[in-house]
Amino acid sequence: MERDSQLELYQAVAARLKEAHTRVRALQVPEGVRMTLSRQLLAVTAVAKHDLEGAARRLDRLMKDLDEGRFPEGD
């Protein structure tokens, strides 16, 4: 049973990561901001390999920031 819930969470995180990448690519922001957001998405992907629930939380925060128009400083 736990394996099924883990699989569902994996599928949800994967779908949200795909959505987040699409949204970041479409943003009209300076290239430095886009690069910072892309690095954050890569970090979430890396975390997902060993802490799926932690990755889901990080992705939730990132998506909320995107929804609210809060973007990081670019390099």
C-alpha atoms as a PDB file:
ATOM      1  CA  MET A   1       0.000   0.000   0.000  1.00  0.00           C
ATOM      2  CA  GLU A   2       2.811   2.429   0.885  1.00  0.00           C
ATOM      3  CA  ARG A   3       4.423   1.706  -2.472  1.00  0.00           C
ATOM      4  CA  ASP A   4       1.225   2.808  -4.250  1.00  0.00           C
ATOM      5  CA  SER A   5       1.124   6.121  -2.386  1.00  0.00           C
ATOM      6  CA  GLN A   6       4.827   6.658  -3.105  1.00  0.00           C
ATOM      7  CA  LEU A   7       4.193   6.012  -6.805  1.00  0.00           C
ATOM      8  CA  GLU A   8       1.287   8.464  -6.810  1.00  0.00           C
ATOM      9  CA  LEU A   9       3.441  11.113  -5.141  1.00  0.00           C
ATOM     10  CA  TYR A  10       6.231  10.495  -7.657  1.00  0.00           C
ATOM     11  CA  GLN A  11       3.794  10.918 -10.544  1.00  0.00           C
ATOM     12  CA  ALA A  12       2.367  14.109  -9.029  1.00  0.00           C
ATOM     13  CA  VAL A  13       5.828  15.614  -8.463  1.00  0.00           C
ATOM     14  CA  ALA A  14       6.918  14.668 -11.995  1.00  0.00           C
ATOM     15  CA  ALA A  15       3.820  16.289 -13.522  1.00  0.00           C
ATOM     16  CA  ARG A  16       4.261  19.450 -11.432  1.00  0.00           C
ATOM     17  CA  LEU A  17       7.953  19.666 -12.334  1.00  0.00           C
ATOM     18  CA  LYS A  18       7.020  19.471 -15.995  1.00  0.00           C
ATOM     19  CA  GLU A  19       4.438  22.235 -15.493  1.00  0.00           C
ATOM     20  CA  ALA A  20       6.955  24.361 -13.575  1.00  0.00           C
ATOM     21  CA  HIS A  21       9.574  24.029 -16.323  1.00  0.00           C
ATOM     22  CA  THR A  22       6.994  25.087 -18.907  1.00  0.00           C
ATOM     23  CA  ARG A  23       5.980  28.101 -16.832  1.00  0.00           C
ATOM     24  CA  VAL A  24       9.571  29.180 -16.239  1.00  0.00           C
ATOM     25  CA  ARG A  25      10.363  28.973 -19.960  1.00  0.00           C
ATOM     26  CA  ALA A  26       7.332  31.173 -20.748  1.00  0.00           C
ATOM     27  CA  LEU A  27       8.118  33.899 -18.193  1.00  0.00           C
ATOM     28  CA  GLN A  28       8.975  37.350 -19.482  1.00  0.00           C
ATOM     29  CA  VAL A  29      11.830  37.951 -17.039  1.00  0.00           C
ATOM     30  CA  PRO A  30      15.541  38.734 -17.416  1.00  0.00           C
ATOM     31  CA  GLU A  31      17.685  35.766 -18.396  1.00  0.00           C
ATOM     32  CA  GLY A  32      19.442  35.758 -15.019  1.00  0.00           C
ATOM     33  CA  VAL A  33      16.130  35.297 -13.219  1.00  0.00           C
ATOM     34  CA  ARG A  34      15.163  32.472 -15.590  1.00  0.00           C
ATOM     35  CA  MET A  35      18.511  30.768 -14.974  1.00  0.00           C
ATOM     36  CA  THR A  36      18.070  31.031 -11.199  1.00  0.00           C
ATOM     37  CA  LEU A  37      14.585  29.525 -11.438  1.00  0.00           C
ATOM     38  CA  SER A  38      15.901  26.735 -13.671  1.00  0.00           C
ATOM     39  CA  ARG A  39      18.611  25.947 -11.108  1.00  0.00           C
ATOM     40  CA  GLN A  40      15.955  25.808  -8.391  1.00  0.00           C
ATOM     41  CA  LEU A  41      13.971  23.331 -10.482  1.00  0.00           C
ATOM     42  CA  LEU A  42      17.092  21.224 -10.996  1.00  0.00           C
ATOM     43  CA  ALA A  43      17.665  21.252  -7.237  1.00  0.00           C
ATOM     44  CA  VAL A  44      14.094  20.039  -6.653  1.00  0.00           C
ATOM     45  CA  THR A  45      14.684  17.264  -9.182  1.00  0.00           C
ATOM     46  CA  ALA A  46      17.875  16.222  -7.378  1.00  0.00           C
ATOM     47  CA  VAL A  47      16.137  16.228  -3.992  1.00  0.00           C
ATOM     48  CA  ALA A  48      13.337  14.064  -5.417  1.00  0.00           C
ATOM     49  CA  LYS A  49      15.824  11.238  -5.934  1.00  0.00           C
ATOM     50  CA  HIS A  50      16.254  10.734  -2.182  1.00  0.00           C
ATOM     51  CA  ASP A  51      13.486  12.771  -0.482  1.00  0.00           C
ATOM     52  CA  LEU A  52      10.316  12.805  -2.538  1.00  0.00           C
ATOM     53  CA  GLU A  53       8.196  14.472   0.135  1.00  0.00           C
ATOM     54  CA  GLY A  54      10.819  17.186   0.655  1.00  0.00           C
ATOM     55  CA  ALA A  55      10.952  17.770  -3.084  1.00  0.00           C
ATOM     56  CA  ALA A  56       7.169  18.107  -3.180  1.00  0.00           C
ATOM     57  CA  ARG A  57       7.304  20.746  -0.427  1.00  0.00           C
ATOM     58  CA  ARG A  58      10.062  22.689  -2.185  1.00  0.00           C
ATOM     59  CA  LEU A  59       8.154  22.526  -5.444  1.00  0.00           C
ATOM     60  CA  ASP A  60       4.984  23.751  -3.715  1.00  0.00           C
ATOM     61  CA  ARG A  61       6.871  26.790  -2.393  1.00  0.00           C
ATOM     62  CA  LEU A  62       8.403  27.511  -5.791  1.00  0.00           C
ATOM     63  CA  MET A  63       5.049  27.238  -7.565  1.00  0.00           C
ATOM     64  CA  LYS A  64       3.434  29.504  -4.972  1.00  0.00           C
ATOM     65  CA  ASP A  65       6.156  32.090  -5.564  1.00  0.00           C
ATOM     66  CA  LEU A  66       5.545  31.872  -9.322  1.00  0.00           C
ATOM     67  CA  ASP A  67       1.789  32.214  -8.801  1.00  0.00           C
ATOM     68  CA  GLU A  68       2.309  35.304  -6.661  1.00  0.00           C
ATOM     69  CA  GLY A  69       4.876  36.864  -9.004  1.00  0.00           C
ATOM     70  CA  ARG A  70       7.764  36.569  -6.554  1.00  0.00           C
ATOM     71  CA  PHE A  71      10.936  35.920  -8.499  1.00  0.00           C
ATOM     72  CA  PRO A  72      14.514  35.527  -7.245  1.00  0.00           C
ATOM     73  CA  GLU A  73      17.258  38.000  -8.052  1.00  0.00           C
ATOM     74  CA  GLY A  74      19.117  37.069 -11.225  1.00  0.00           C
ATOM     75  CA  ASP A  75      22.868  36.567 -11.412  1.00  0.00           C
END
